[in-house]
Amino acid sequence: MKNKEFGSDFHYFYDENSVLNLGSLFQDQNLEYFFSGRVALYNLLQFGQKKYKWHKVGFPSYYCHEVVDFCKNLPLEVEYYNYNPFDEDEEVEWEDESGSVFINVDFFGIKKLDCSFLRKTEVIEDLTHNLESLSRSSANYCFGSLRKQLPLAVGGVIWSRHGDFAVNLEDNRFSNQIALKKLTAMYLKSEYLEGRFSHKDSFRTLYLEAEELFGDLQTNTALPKIVQAQLKGLVPRKLIEKTRLNINYGRKLLELSKNIVCLSAENGTEMGFAFLCGDYTIREKFRTYLISHNIFPAVLWPNQISERDIEIQHRVLFVHVDFRYNQKDIYFIVDVINKFIKHV
């Protein structure tokens, strides 16, 4: 008997018809692969500090702060600019000067700042939530994690417009062990979903143990060879297109609500359903209700710092509707959401 549940970490996925690799997503091939998105950014900042004398890097206040922490031992001044993607656009305060770097995040594939006001600052785009947009980027450098949109154990990437970025990194025992732990968890989850493995706590523990090690600087390595092989078993463009079809189908079924708003992008590039709830109480009731129906949403991101960002963190809920699911699954997910919305 199969176990049906939605969301949370990817299970092991292999496409027998795969003939492409990640590079097929992009028009340019100036790509370098790393253990993770934070490792990719770390190496890009280190490269720029040495070659272009970058001395300061700015991150949006609403962000994954584990990424920022990973880069703090670099000889760069770290600053936050006040910004989250859920408020109406306000003028961003930033000292535009040579040698400074501005991290511009494509939030959930929904919203990204217009940085045309920056003339001297180097803008680096974080495209973790919208990998396919890289070919449309106006930045000289982009980076991202691969494992948010693709079923990979680990992985990060850097793209350079002029092909001027290069670094010689190898993998190591530590990074391979984490990748193997994640791959094991992914395989066991796939077995669980097929009803051939019953110990859910086993793979959940492996996922969590692996995630806790992503912040260790020993992961400053290239993409492990075992994950390079995993990547070759995927057709990323097809997976992302399937996700987009699911999102478009699900949006047509979603009920409107003043207390639970599903954010959208004009060009249909959302990574999933990003909901902004009226307050924390509604968000928690919504989250608990979804979990009771085996739909496991995510909070993106926890551990915010500023008062306003903490408030937003407590109202946001992300629901996966990606390539793992067929139309029947999406109908079920949206039906559960609609039933809750009707009673809020």
C-alpha atoms as a PDB file:
ATOM      1  CA  MET A   1       0.000   0.000   0.000  1.00  0.00           C
ATOM      2  CA  LYS A   2       1.343   3.411  -0.950  1.00  0.00           C
ATOM      3  CA  ASN A   3       1.745   6.256   1.538  1.00  0.00           C
ATOM      4  CA  LYS A   4       0.393   9.510   0.173  1.00  0.00           C
ATOM      5  CA  GLU A   5       1.785  12.779   1.484  1.00  0.00           C
ATOM      6  CA  PHE A   6       2.734  16.121  -0.010  1.00  0.00           C
ATOM      7  CA  GLY A   7       5.540  18.621   0.488  1.00  0.00           C
ATOM      8  CA  SER A   8       8.638  18.471   2.657  1.00  0.00           C
ATOM      9  CA  ASP A   9      11.940  17.139   1.273  1.00  0.00           C
ATOM     10  CA  PHE A  10      12.269  15.627  -2.175  1.00  0.00           C
ATOM     11  CA  HIS A  11      12.388  11.864  -2.463  1.00  0.00           C
ATOM     12  CA  TYR A  12      14.784  10.068  -4.827  1.00  0.00           C
ATOM     13  CA  PHE A  13      13.849  10.790  -8.425  1.00  0.00           C
ATOM     14  CA  TYR A  14      15.281   9.406 -11.656  1.00  0.00           C
ATOM     15  CA  ASP A  15      14.149  10.157 -15.188  1.00  0.00           C
ATOM     16  CA  GLU A  16      14.937   7.248 -17.506  1.00  0.00           C
ATOM     17  CA  ASN A  17      14.505   9.548 -20.492  1.00  0.00           C
ATOM     18  CA  SER A  18      17.042  12.144 -19.319  1.00  0.00           C
ATOM     19  CA  VAL A  19      19.443  13.252 -22.025  1.00  0.00           C
ATOM     20  CA  LEU A  20      20.291  16.751 -20.771  1.00  0.00           C
ATOM     21  CA  ASN A  21      22.029  18.330 -17.819  1.00  0.00           C
ATOM     22  CA  LEU A  22      21.466  21.540 -15.892  1.00  0.00           C
ATOM     23  CA  GLY A  23      23.285  23.591 -18.485  1.00  0.00           C
ATOM     24  CA  SER A  24      20.351  23.042 -20.838  1.00  0.00           C
ATOM     25  CA  LEU A  25      18.370  25.440 -18.670  1.00  0.00           C
ATOM     26  CA  PHE A  26      20.574  28.340 -19.660  1.00  0.00           C
ATOM     27  CA  GLN A  27      21.659  30.008 -22.864  1.00  0.00           C
ATOM     28  CA  ASP A  28      25.153  30.553 -21.472  1.00  0.00           C
ATOM     29  CA  GLN A  29      27.347  27.770 -20.159  1.00  0.00           C
ATOM     30  CA  ASN A  30      29.553  29.818 -17.822  1.00  0.00           C
ATOM     31  CA  LEU A  31      28.593  27.653 -14.853  1.00  0.00           C
ATOM     32  CA  GLU A  32      30.508  26.373 -11.840  1.00  0.00           C
ATOM     33  CA  TYR A  33      29.019  23.802  -9.466  1.00  0.00           C
ATOM     34  CA  PHE A  34      29.419  23.619  -5.694  1.00  0.00           C
ATOM     35  CA  PHE A  35      28.275  21.659  -2.680  1.00  0.00           C
ATOM     36  CA  SER A  36      25.540  24.189  -1.872  1.00  0.00           C
ATOM     37  CA  GLY A  37      24.205  27.630  -2.702  1.00  0.00           C
ATOM     38  CA  ARG A  38      25.941  29.164   0.315  1.00  0.00           C
ATOM     39  CA  VAL A  39      29.250  27.597  -0.732  1.00  0.00           C
ATOM     40  CA  ALA A  40      28.746  29.033  -4.216  1.00  0.00           C
ATOM     41  CA  LEU A  41      28.196  32.517  -2.814  1.00  0.00           C
ATOM     42  CA  TYR A  42      31.140  32.155  -0.432  1.00  0.00           C
ATOM     43  CA  ASN A  43      33.475  31.408  -3.341  1.00  0.00           C
ATOM     44  CA  LEU A  44      32.047  34.177  -5.489  1.00  0.00           C
ATOM     45  CA  LEU A  45      32.548  36.765  -2.744  1.00  0.00           C
ATOM     46  CA  GLN A  46      36.054  35.464  -2.044  1.00  0.00           C
ATOM     47  CA  PHE A  47      36.870  35.703  -5.755  1.00  0.00           C
ATOM     48  CA  GLY A  48      35.552  39.282  -5.995  1.00  0.00           C
ATOM     49  CA  GLN A  49      37.341  40.371  -2.844  1.00  0.00           C
ATOM     50  CA  LYS A  50      40.659  39.221  -4.266  1.00  0.00           C
ATOM     51  CA  LYS A  51      40.204  40.224  -7.909  1.00  0.00           C
ATOM     52  CA  TYR A  52      38.011  43.340  -7.724  1.00  0.00           C
ATOM     53  CA  LYS A  53      38.686  44.531  -4.156  1.00  0.00           C
ATOM     54  CA  TRP A  54      35.109  44.023  -3.019  1.00  0.00           C
ATOM     55  CA  HIS A  55      34.978  45.162   0.586  1.00  0.00           C
ATOM     56  CA  LYS A  56      31.287  45.222   1.546  1.00  0.00           C
ATOM     57  CA  VAL A  57      28.302  42.975   0.869  1.00  0.00           C
ATOM     58  CA  GLY A  58      24.661  43.793   1.494  1.00  0.00           C
ATOM     59  CA  PHE A  59      21.883  41.277   2.098  1.00  0.00           C
ATOM     60  CA  PRO A  60      18.134  41.909   2.328  1.00  0.00           C
ATOM     61  CA  SER A  61      16.955  41.935   5.933  1.00  0.00           C
ATOM     62  CA  TYR A  62      14.410  39.221   5.059  1.00  0.00           C
ATOM     63  CA  TYR A  63      16.618  36.316   4.030  1.00  0.00           C
ATOM     64  CA  CYS A  64      18.004  32.911   4.941  1.00  0.00           C
ATOM     65  CA  HIS A  65      20.430  34.106   7.612  1.00  0.00           C
ATOM     66  CA  GLU A  66      22.284  30.798   7.651  1.00  0.00           C
ATOM     67  CA  VAL A  67      23.687  31.827   4.263  1.00  0.00           C
ATOM     68  CA  VAL A  68      24.899  35.129   5.691  1.00  0.00           C
ATOM     69  CA  ASP A  69      26.487  33.395   8.689  1.00  0.00           C
ATOM     70  CA  PHE A  70      28.389  31.056   6.374  1.00  0.00           C
ATOM     71  CA  CYS A  71      30.084  34.040   4.687  1.00  0.00           C
ATOM     72  CA  LYS A  72      30.931  36.060   7.793  1.00  0.00           C
ATOM     73  CA  ASN A  73      34.529  34.868   8.101  1.00  0.00           C
ATOM     74  CA  LEU A  74      35.392  36.461   4.747  1.00  0.00           C
ATOM     75  CA  PRO A  75      37.281  39.804   4.901  1.00  0.00           C
ATOM     76  CA  LEU A  76      34.141  41.695   3.886  1.00  0.00           C
ATOM     77  CA  GLU A  77      31.893  44.033   5.809  1.00  0.00           C
ATOM     78  CA  VAL A  78      28.391  42.530   6.021  1.00  0.00           C
ATOM     79  CA  GLU A  79      25.402  44.868   6.038  1.00  0.00           C
ATOM     80  CA  TYR A  80      21.651  44.404   5.821  1.00  0.00           C
ATOM     81  CA  TYR A  81      19.413  46.640   3.739  1.00  0.00           C
ATOM     82  CA  ASN A  82      15.851  46.887   4.953  1.00  0.00           C
ATOM     83  CA  TYR A  83      13.686  44.902   2.544  1.00  0.00           C
ATOM     84  CA  ASN A  84      11.143  42.107   2.449  1.00  0.00           C
ATOM     85  CA  PRO A  85       9.123  41.065  -0.601  1.00  0.00           C
ATOM     86  CA  PHE A  86       5.701  41.313   1.072  1.00  0.00           C
ATOM     87  CA  ASP A  87       5.545  45.048   1.773  1.00  0.00           C
ATOM     88  CA  GLU A  88       4.870  47.661  -0.841  1.00  0.00           C
ATOM     89  CA  ASP A  89       8.096  48.750  -2.486  1.00  0.00           C
ATOM     90  CA  GLU A  90       9.916  51.380  -0.499  1.00  0.00           C
ATOM     91  CA  GLU A  91      13.121  53.128  -1.439  1.00  0.00           C
ATOM     92  CA  VAL A  92      16.027  50.908  -0.424  1.00  0.00           C
ATOM     93  CA  GLU A  93      18.770  52.702   1.454  1.00  0.00           C
ATOM     94  CA  TRP A  94      22.185  51.670   0.199  1.00  0.00           C
ATOM     95  CA  GLU A  95      25.450  53.550  -0.259  1.00  0.00           C
ATOM     96  CA  ASP A  96      26.236  53.084  -3.928  1.00  0.00           C
ATOM     97  CA  GLU A  97      30.021  52.874  -4.133  1.00  0.00           C
ATOM     98  CA  SER A  98      32.713  50.947  -5.974  1.00  0.00           C
ATOM     99  CA  GLY A  99      33.791  47.801  -4.205  1.00  0.00           C
ATOM    100  CA  SER A 100      30.383  47.135  -2.663  1.00  0.00           C
ATOM    101  CA  VAL A 101      28.174  44.143  -3.500  1.00  0.00           C
ATOM    102  CA  PHE A 102      24.375  44.001  -3.347  1.00  0.00           C
ATOM    103  CA  ILE A 103      22.622  40.609  -3.109  1.00  0.00           C
ATOM    104  CA  ASN A 104      19.338  40.853  -5.002  1.00  0.00           C
ATOM    105  CA  VAL A 105      17.050  37.916  -4.236  1.00  0.00           C
ATOM    106  CA  ASP A 106      14.351  36.533  -6.502  1.00  0.00           C
ATOM    107  CA  PHE A 107      11.912  35.747  -3.682  1.00  0.00           C
ATOM    108  CA  PHE A 108       9.900  32.566  -4.361  1.00  0.00           C
ATOM    109  CA  GLY A 109      10.030  33.333  -8.097  1.00  0.00           C
ATOM    110  CA  ILE A 110       7.548  36.126  -7.344  1.00  0.00           C
ATOM    111  CA  LYS A 111       9.414  39.343  -6.646  1.00  0.00           C
ATOM    112  CA  LYS A 112      12.855  40.810  -7.275  1.00  0.00           C
ATOM    113  CA  LEU A 113      14.116  44.359  -6.814  1.00  0.00           C
ATOM    114  CA  ASP A 114      14.776  46.662  -9.745  1.00  0.00           C
ATOM    115  CA  CYS A 115      18.405  47.581  -9.100  1.00  0.00           C
ATOM    116  CA  SER A 116      18.784  50.118 -11.883  1.00  0.00           C
ATOM    117  CA  PHE A 117      19.336  52.756  -9.178  1.00  0.00           C
ATOM    118  CA  LEU A 118      22.742  51.182  -8.449  1.00  0.00           C
ATOM    119  CA  ARG A 119      25.498  52.480 -10.734  1.00  0.00           C
ATOM    120  CA  LYS A 120      28.727  51.599  -8.931  1.00  0.00           C
ATOM    121  CA  THR A 121      27.689  48.619  -6.802  1.00  0.00           C
ATOM    122  CA  GLU A 122      28.094  45.061  -8.127  1.00  0.00           C
ATOM    123  CA  VAL A 123      24.671  43.387  -8.097  1.00  0.00           C
ATOM    124  CA  ILE A 124      24.647  39.613  -7.562  1.00  0.00           C
ATOM    125  CA  GLU A 125      21.358  37.811  -8.042  1.00  0.00           C
ATOM    126  CA  ASP A 126      20.217  34.900  -5.887  1.00  0.00           C
ATOM    127  CA  LEU A 127      18.071  32.796  -8.246  1.00  0.00           C
ATOM    128  CA  THR A 128      17.562  29.818  -5.930  1.00  0.00           C
ATOM    129  CA  HIS A 129      13.784  30.073  -6.309  1.00  0.00           C
ATOM    130  CA  ASN A 130      13.811  30.781 -10.040  1.00  0.00           C
ATOM    131  CA  LEU A 131      16.717  28.976 -11.703  1.00  0.00           C
ATOM    132  CA  GLU A 132      15.282  29.237 -15.180  1.00  0.00           C
ATOM    133  CA  SER A 133      15.359  33.057 -15.081  1.00  0.00           C
ATOM    134  CA  LEU A 134      19.146  33.086 -15.290  1.00  0.00           C
ATOM    135  CA  SER A 135      19.111  33.580 -19.047  1.00  0.00           C
ATOM    136  CA  ARG A 136      17.082  36.770 -18.480  1.00  0.00           C
ATOM    137  CA  SER A 137      19.277  38.203 -15.731  1.00  0.00           C
ATOM    138  CA  SER A 138      20.973  41.564 -16.234  1.00  0.00           C
ATOM    139  CA  ALA A 139      23.536  40.877 -13.474  1.00  0.00           C
ATOM    140  CA  ASN A 140      27.158  39.978 -14.117  1.00  0.00           C
ATOM    141  CA  TYR A 141      26.975  37.171 -11.537  1.00  0.00           C
ATOM    142  CA  CYS A 142      24.203  34.912 -10.296  1.00  0.00           C
ATOM    143  CA  PHE A 143      24.182  32.068  -7.823  1.00  0.00           C
ATOM    144  CA  GLY A 144      21.680  29.671  -6.363  1.00  0.00           C
ATOM    145  CA  SER A 145      21.003  26.490  -4.505  1.00  0.00           C
ATOM    146  CA  LEU A 146      19.953  23.642  -6.804  1.00  0.00           C
ATOM    147  CA  ARG A 147      18.070  21.558  -4.251  1.00  0.00           C
ATOM    148  CA  LYS A 148      15.070  23.871  -3.756  1.00  0.00           C
ATOM    149  CA  GLN A 149      13.671  23.305  -7.242  1.00  0.00           C
ATOM    150  CA  LEU A 150      15.393  20.070  -8.214  1.00  0.00           C
ATOM    151  CA  PRO A 151      15.465  16.669  -6.454  1.00  0.00           C
ATOM    152  CA  LEU A 152      19.186  16.725  -5.631  1.00  0.00           C
ATOM    153  CA  ALA A 153      20.860  15.758  -2.372  1.00  0.00           C
ATOM    154  CA  VAL A 154      23.081  18.852  -2.391  1.00  0.00           C
ATOM    155  CA  GLY A 155      24.151  21.423  -4.946  1.00  0.00           C
ATOM    156  CA  GLY A 156      24.832  25.044  -5.779  1.00  0.00           C
ATOM    157  CA  VAL A 157      25.758  26.937  -8.927  1.00  0.00           C
ATOM    158  CA  ILE A 158      27.410  30.182 -10.052  1.00  0.00           C
ATOM    159  CA  TRP A 159      26.922  31.807 -13.425  1.00  0.00           C
ATOM    160  CA  SER A 160      29.183  34.589 -14.703  1.00  0.00           C
ATOM    161  CA  ARG A 161      28.123  36.669 -17.688  1.00  0.00           C
ATOM    162  CA  HIS A 162      31.668  37.148 -18.992  1.00  0.00           C
ATOM    163  CA  GLY A 163      33.031  33.759 -17.968  1.00  0.00           C
ATOM    164  CA  ASP A 164      35.567  35.433 -15.704  1.00  0.00           C
ATOM    165  CA  PHE A 165      34.803  33.380 -12.599  1.00  0.00           C
ATOM    166  CA  ALA A 166      36.761  30.195 -11.985  1.00  0.00           C
ATOM    167  CA  VAL A 167      37.867  28.338  -8.888  1.00  0.00           C
ATOM    168  CA  ASN A 168      39.582  25.002  -8.401  1.00  0.00           C
ATOM    169  CA  LEU A 169      37.764  23.035  -5.720  1.00  0.00           C
ATOM    170  CA  GLU A 170      37.554  19.306  -5.125  1.00  0.00           C
ATOM    171  CA  ASP A 171      35.062  17.391  -3.033  1.00  0.00           C
ATOM    172  CA  ASN A 172      36.150  15.806   0.248  1.00  0.00           C
ATOM    173  CA  ARG A 173      35.170  13.009   2.582  1.00  0.00           C
ATOM    174  CA  PHE A 174      33.019  15.301   4.737  1.00  0.00           C
ATOM    175  CA  SER A 175      30.928  16.678   1.869  1.00  0.00           C
ATOM    176  CA  ASN A 176      30.550  13.207   0.359  1.00  0.00           C
ATOM    177  CA  GLN A 177      29.294  11.833   3.660  1.00  0.00           C
ATOM    178  CA  ILE A 178      26.611  14.532   3.847  1.00  0.00           C
ATOM    179  CA  ALA A 179      25.599  13.905   0.237  1.00  0.00           C
ATOM    180  CA  LEU A 180      25.369  10.163   0.907  1.00  0.00           C
ATOM    181  CA  LYS A 181      23.287  10.781   4.021  1.00  0.00           C
ATOM    182  CA  LYS A 182      20.874  12.965   2.053  1.00  0.00           C
ATOM    183  CA  LEU A 183      20.730  10.482  -0.822  1.00  0.00           C
ATOM    184  CA  THR A 184      19.987   7.678   1.607  1.00  0.00           C
ATOM    185  CA  ALA A 185      17.174   9.728   3.131  1.00  0.00           C
ATOM    186  CA  MET A 186      15.785  10.498  -0.339  1.00  0.00           C
ATOM    187  CA  TYR A 187      15.877   6.828  -1.341  1.00  0.00           C
ATOM    188  CA  LEU A 188      14.230   5.681   1.893  1.00  0.00           C
ATOM    189  CA  LYS A 189      11.518   8.300   1.468  1.00  0.00           C
ATOM    190  CA  SER A 190      10.799   7.043  -2.040  1.00  0.00           C
ATOM    191  CA  GLU A 191      10.527   3.525  -0.617  1.00  0.00           C
ATOM    192  CA  TYR A 192       8.215   4.820   2.127  1.00  0.00           C
ATOM    193  CA  LEU A 193       5.950   6.549  -0.403  1.00  0.00           C
ATOM    194  CA  GLU A 194       5.739   3.298  -2.376  1.00  0.00           C
ATOM    195  CA  GLY A 195       4.812   1.382   0.794  1.00  0.00           C
ATOM    196  CA  ARG A 196       8.009  -0.668   0.874  1.00  0.00           C
ATOM    197  CA  PHE A 197       9.501   0.991   3.981  1.00  0.00           C
ATOM    198  CA  SER A 198       7.602   1.873   7.136  1.00  0.00           C
ATOM    199  CA  HIS A 199      10.108   3.694   9.355  1.00  0.00           C
ATOM    200  CA  LYS A 200       9.457   7.343   8.518  1.00  0.00           C
ATOM    201  CA  ASP A 201      11.477   8.553  11.502  1.00  0.00           C
ATOM    202  CA  SER A 202      14.585   6.933  10.016  1.00  0.00           C
ATOM    203  CA  PHE A 203      14.756   9.073   6.892  1.00  0.00           C
ATOM    204  CA  ARG A 204      13.496  12.170   8.707  1.00  0.00           C
ATOM    205  CA  THR A 205      16.440  11.828  11.099  1.00  0.00           C
ATOM    206  CA  LEU A 206      18.867  11.491   8.199  1.00  0.00           C
ATOM    207  CA  TYR A 207      17.466  14.606   6.506  1.00  0.00           C
ATOM    208  CA  LEU A 208      17.795  16.660   9.696  1.00  0.00           C
ATOM    209  CA  GLU A 209      21.282  15.394  10.530  1.00  0.00           C
ATOM    210  CA  ALA A 210      22.500  16.272   7.048  1.00  0.00           C
ATOM    211  CA  GLU A 211      20.916  19.735   7.092  1.00  0.00           C
ATOM    212  CA  GLU A 212      22.632  20.595  10.375  1.00  0.00           C
ATOM    213  CA  LEU A 213      26.018  20.082   8.687  1.00  0.00           C
ATOM    214  CA  PHE A 214      25.445  22.473   5.771  1.00  0.00           C
ATOM    215  CA  GLY A 215      26.778  25.337   7.868  1.00  0.00           C
ATOM    216  CA  ASP A 216      30.160  23.649   8.390  1.00  0.00           C
ATOM    217  CA  LEU A 217      32.956  25.248   6.363  1.00  0.00           C
ATOM    218  CA  GLN A 218      34.240  21.762   5.541  1.00  0.00           C
ATOM    219  CA  THR A 219      31.460  21.766   2.932  1.00  0.00           C
ATOM    220  CA  ASN A 220      33.408  24.394   0.970  1.00  0.00           C
ATOM    221  CA  THR A 221      33.872  21.975  -1.895  1.00  0.00           C
ATOM    222  CA  ALA A 222      32.868  21.283  -5.455  1.00  0.00           C
ATOM    223  CA  LEU A 223      29.678  19.373  -6.185  1.00  0.00           C
ATOM    224  CA  PRO A 224      30.305  15.781  -4.997  1.00  0.00           C
ATOM    225  CA  LYS A 225      30.717  13.343  -7.868  1.00  0.00           C
ATOM    226  CA  ILE A 226      27.871  11.208  -6.590  1.00  0.00           C
ATOM    227  CA  VAL A 227      25.516  14.192  -6.978  1.00  0.00           C
ATOM    228  CA  GLN A 228      26.974  15.007 -10.392  1.00  0.00           C
ATOM    229  CA  ALA A 229      25.783  11.542 -11.378  1.00  0.00           C
ATOM    230  CA  GLN A 230      22.387  12.241  -9.808  1.00  0.00           C
ATOM    231  CA  LEU A 231      22.126  15.466 -11.810  1.00  0.00           C
ATOM    232  CA  LYS A 232      22.753  13.586 -15.052  1.00  0.00           C
ATOM    233  CA  GLY A 233      19.654  11.509 -14.280  1.00  0.00           C
ATOM    234  CA  LEU A 234      17.414  14.576 -14.420  1.00  0.00           C
ATOM    235  CA  VAL A 235      15.919  16.854 -17.054  1.00  0.00           C
ATOM    236  CA  PRO A 236      15.646  20.088 -15.041  1.00  0.00           C
ATOM    237  CA  ARG A 237      13.739  22.084 -17.643  1.00  0.00           C
ATOM    238  CA  LYS A 238      11.033  19.437 -17.821  1.00  0.00           C
ATOM    239  CA  LEU A 239      10.726  19.309 -14.024  1.00  0.00           C
ATOM    240  CA  ILE A 240      10.397  23.086 -13.729  1.00  0.00           C
ATOM    241  CA  GLU A 241       7.867  23.231 -16.566  1.00  0.00           C
ATOM    242  CA  LYS A 242       5.801  20.523 -14.847  1.00  0.00           C
ATOM    243  CA  THR A 243       5.874  22.580 -11.644  1.00  0.00           C
ATOM    244  CA  ARG A 244       4.673  25.655 -13.541  1.00  0.00           C
ATOM    245  CA  LEU A 245       1.799  23.674 -15.078  1.00  0.00           C
ATOM    246  CA  ASN A 246       0.765  22.466 -11.632  1.00  0.00           C
ATOM    247  CA  ILE A 247       0.840  26.006 -10.248  1.00  0.00           C
ATOM    248  CA  ASN A 248      -1.266  27.355 -13.125  1.00  0.00           C
ATOM    249  CA  TYR A 249      -3.800  24.545 -12.728  1.00  0.00           C
ATOM    250  CA  GLY A 250      -3.992  24.961  -8.962  1.00  0.00           C
ATOM    251  CA  ARG A 251      -4.415  28.731  -9.136  1.00  0.00           C
ATOM    252  CA  LYS A 252      -7.579  28.331 -11.201  1.00  0.00           C
ATOM    253  CA  LEU A 253      -9.078  26.270  -8.380  1.00  0.00           C
ATOM    254  CA  LEU A 254      -8.019  28.419  -5.409  1.00  0.00           C
ATOM    255  CA  GLU A 255     -10.722  30.326  -3.527  1.00  0.00           C
ATOM    256  CA  LEU A 256     -10.156  34.013  -2.811  1.00  0.00           C
ATOM    257  CA  SER A 257      -9.646  35.122   0.775  1.00  0.00           C
ATOM    258  CA  LYS A 258      -8.810  38.360   2.589  1.00  0.00           C
ATOM    259  CA  ASN A 259      -7.137  36.506   5.463  1.00  0.00           C
ATOM    260  CA  ILE A 260      -5.019  34.127   3.370  1.00  0.00           C
ATOM    261  CA  VAL A 261      -3.552  35.627   0.200  1.00  0.00           C
ATOM    262  CA  CYS A 262      -1.690  33.533  -2.359  1.00  0.00           C
ATOM    263  CA  LEU A 263       1.022  35.681  -3.930  1.00  0.00           C
ATOM    264  CA  SER A 264       1.673  35.459  -7.648  1.00  0.00           C
ATOM    265  CA  ALA A 265       4.066  36.601 -10.359  1.00  0.00           C
ATOM    266  CA  GLU A 266       2.891  38.330 -13.506  1.00  0.00           C
ATOM    267  CA  ASN A 267       5.053  36.078 -15.674  1.00  0.00           C
ATOM    268  CA  GLY A 268       4.061  32.827 -13.928  1.00  0.00           C
ATOM    269  CA  THR A 269       7.486  32.051 -12.450  1.00  0.00           C
ATOM    270  CA  GLU A 270       6.366  31.101  -8.924  1.00  0.00           C
ATOM    271  CA  MET A 271       8.179  28.254  -7.197  1.00  0.00           C
ATOM    272  CA  GLY A 272       4.949  27.156  -5.501  1.00  0.00           C
ATOM    273  CA  PHE A 273       2.087  28.594  -3.460  1.00  0.00           C
ATOM    274  CA  ALA A 274       3.389  31.343  -1.149  1.00  0.00           C
ATOM    275  CA  PHE A 275       0.635  32.361   1.253  1.00  0.00           C
ATOM    276  CA  LEU A 276       0.575  35.482   3.396  1.00  0.00           C
ATOM    277  CA  CYS A 277      -1.848  35.044   6.294  1.00  0.00           C
ATOM    278  CA  GLY A 278      -3.591  37.782   8.240  1.00  0.00           C
ATOM    279  CA  ASP A 279      -1.734  36.998  11.451  1.00  0.00           C
ATOM    280  CA  TYR A 280       0.266  34.321  13.266  1.00  0.00           C
ATOM    281  CA  THR A 281      -2.804  32.618  14.754  1.00  0.00           C
ATOM    282  CA  ILE A 282      -4.372  32.100  11.320  1.00  0.00           C
ATOM    283  CA  ARG A 283      -1.054  30.912   9.912  1.00  0.00           C
ATOM    284  CA  GLU A 284      -0.609  28.304  12.641  1.00  0.00           C
ATOM    285  CA  LYS A 285      -4.189  27.035  12.309  1.00  0.00           C
ATOM    286  CA  PHE A 286      -3.670  26.823   8.554  1.00  0.00           C
ATOM    287  CA  ARG A 287      -0.350  24.997   8.943  1.00  0.00           C
ATOM    288  CA  THR A 288      -1.798  22.520  11.465  1.00  0.00           C
ATOM    289  CA  TYR A 289      -4.819  21.867   9.253  1.00  0.00           C
ATOM    290  CA  LEU A 290      -2.632  21.128   6.232  1.00  0.00           C
ATOM    291  CA  ILE A 291      -0.414  18.758   8.222  1.00  0.00           C
ATOM    292  CA  SER A 292      -3.491  16.898   9.470  1.00  0.00           C
ATOM    293  CA  HIS A 293      -4.198  16.144   5.798  1.00  0.00           C
ATOM    294  CA  ASN A 294      -0.598  15.012   5.075  1.00  0.00           C
ATOM    295  CA  ILE A 295       0.327  18.281   3.395  1.00  0.00           C
ATOM    296  CA  PHE A 296       3.606  19.509   4.864  1.00  0.00           C
ATOM    297  CA  PRO A 297       4.209  23.240   4.232  1.00  0.00           C
ATOM    298  CA  ALA A 298       7.382  25.235   4.862  1.00  0.00           C
ATOM    299  CA  VAL A 299       8.112  28.460   6.717  1.00  0.00           C
ATOM    300  CA  LEU A 300      10.468  30.614   4.604  1.00  0.00           C
ATOM    301  CA  TRP A 301      12.446  31.691   6.406  1.00  0.00           C
ATOM    302  CA  PRO A 302      12.593  31.141  10.163  1.00  0.00           C
ATOM    303  CA  ASN A 303      14.915  33.069  12.516  1.00  0.00           C
ATOM    304  CA  GLN A 304      14.428  36.541  11.102  1.00  0.00           C
ATOM    305  CA  ILE A 305      16.064  39.443  12.941  1.00  0.00           C
ATOM    306  CA  SER A 306      14.168  42.729  12.593  1.00  0.00           C
ATOM    307  CA  GLU A 307      10.761  43.227  14.219  1.00  0.00           C
ATOM    308  CA  ARG A 308       8.973  43.698  10.888  1.00  0.00           C
ATOM    309  CA  ASP A 309      10.631  40.671   9.288  1.00  0.00           C
ATOM    310  CA  ILE A 310       9.752  38.496  12.294  1.00  0.00           C
ATOM    311  CA  GLU A 311       6.134  39.596  11.923  1.00  0.00           C
ATOM    312  CA  ILE A 312       6.197  38.603   8.242  1.00  0.00           C
ATOM    313  CA  GLN A 313       7.933  35.295   9.034  1.00  0.00           C
ATOM    314  CA  HIS A 314       5.032  34.447  11.360  1.00  0.00           C
ATOM    315  CA  ARG A 315       2.494  35.045   8.595  1.00  0.00           C
ATOM    316  CA  VAL A 316       4.128  33.272   5.634  1.00  0.00           C
ATOM    317  CA  LEU A 317       3.461  29.670   4.634  1.00  0.00           C
ATOM    318  CA  PHE A 318       4.794  27.916   1.530  1.00  0.00           C
ATOM    319  CA  VAL A 319       2.982  24.938  -0.025  1.00  0.00           C
ATOM    320  CA  HIS A 320       4.752  22.710  -2.543  1.00  0.00           C
ATOM    321  CA  VAL A 321       2.871  21.920  -5.756  1.00  0.00           C
ATOM    322  CA  ASP A 322       5.858  20.832  -7.813  1.00  0.00           C
ATOM    323  CA  PHE A 323       6.592  18.175 -10.445  1.00  0.00           C
ATOM    324  CA  ARG A 324       6.129  15.350  -7.932  1.00  0.00           C
ATOM    325  CA  TYR A 325       2.369  15.667  -8.231  1.00  0.00           C
ATOM    326  CA  ASN A 326      -0.225  15.007 -10.922  1.00  0.00           C
ATOM    327  CA  GLN A 327      -3.459  16.940 -11.511  1.00  0.00           C
ATOM    328  CA  LYS A 328      -5.388  14.682  -9.131  1.00  0.00           C
ATOM    329  CA  ASP A 329      -2.867  15.476  -6.388  1.00  0.00           C
ATOM    330  CA  ILE A 330      -3.071  19.223  -7.060  1.00  0.00           C
ATOM    331  CA  TYR A 331      -6.860  19.070  -6.942  1.00  0.00           C
ATOM    332  CA  PHE A 332      -6.660  17.360  -3.544  1.00  0.00           C
ATOM    333  CA  ILE A 333      -4.157  19.913  -2.166  1.00  0.00           C
ATOM    334  CA  VAL A 334      -6.212  22.891  -3.344  1.00  0.00           C
ATOM    335  CA  ASP A 335      -9.456  21.311  -2.110  1.00  0.00           C
ATOM    336  CA  VAL A 336      -7.969  21.008   1.382  1.00  0.00           C
ATOM    337  CA  ILE A 337      -6.788  24.639   1.222  1.00  0.00           C
ATOM    338  CA  ASN A 338     -10.197  25.859   0.030  1.00  0.00           C
ATOM    339  CA  LYS A 339     -12.045  24.035   2.791  1.00  0.00           C
ATOM    340  CA  PHE A 340      -9.905  25.793   5.375  1.00  0.00           C
ATOM    341  CA  ILE A 341     -10.244  29.185   3.677  1.00  0.00           C
ATOM    342  CA  LYS A 342     -14.049  28.936   3.693  1.00  0.00           C
ATOM    343  CA  HIS A 343     -14.046  28.700   7.487  1.00  0.00           C
ATOM    344  CA  VAL A 344     -11.514  31.449   8.271  1.00  0.00           C
END
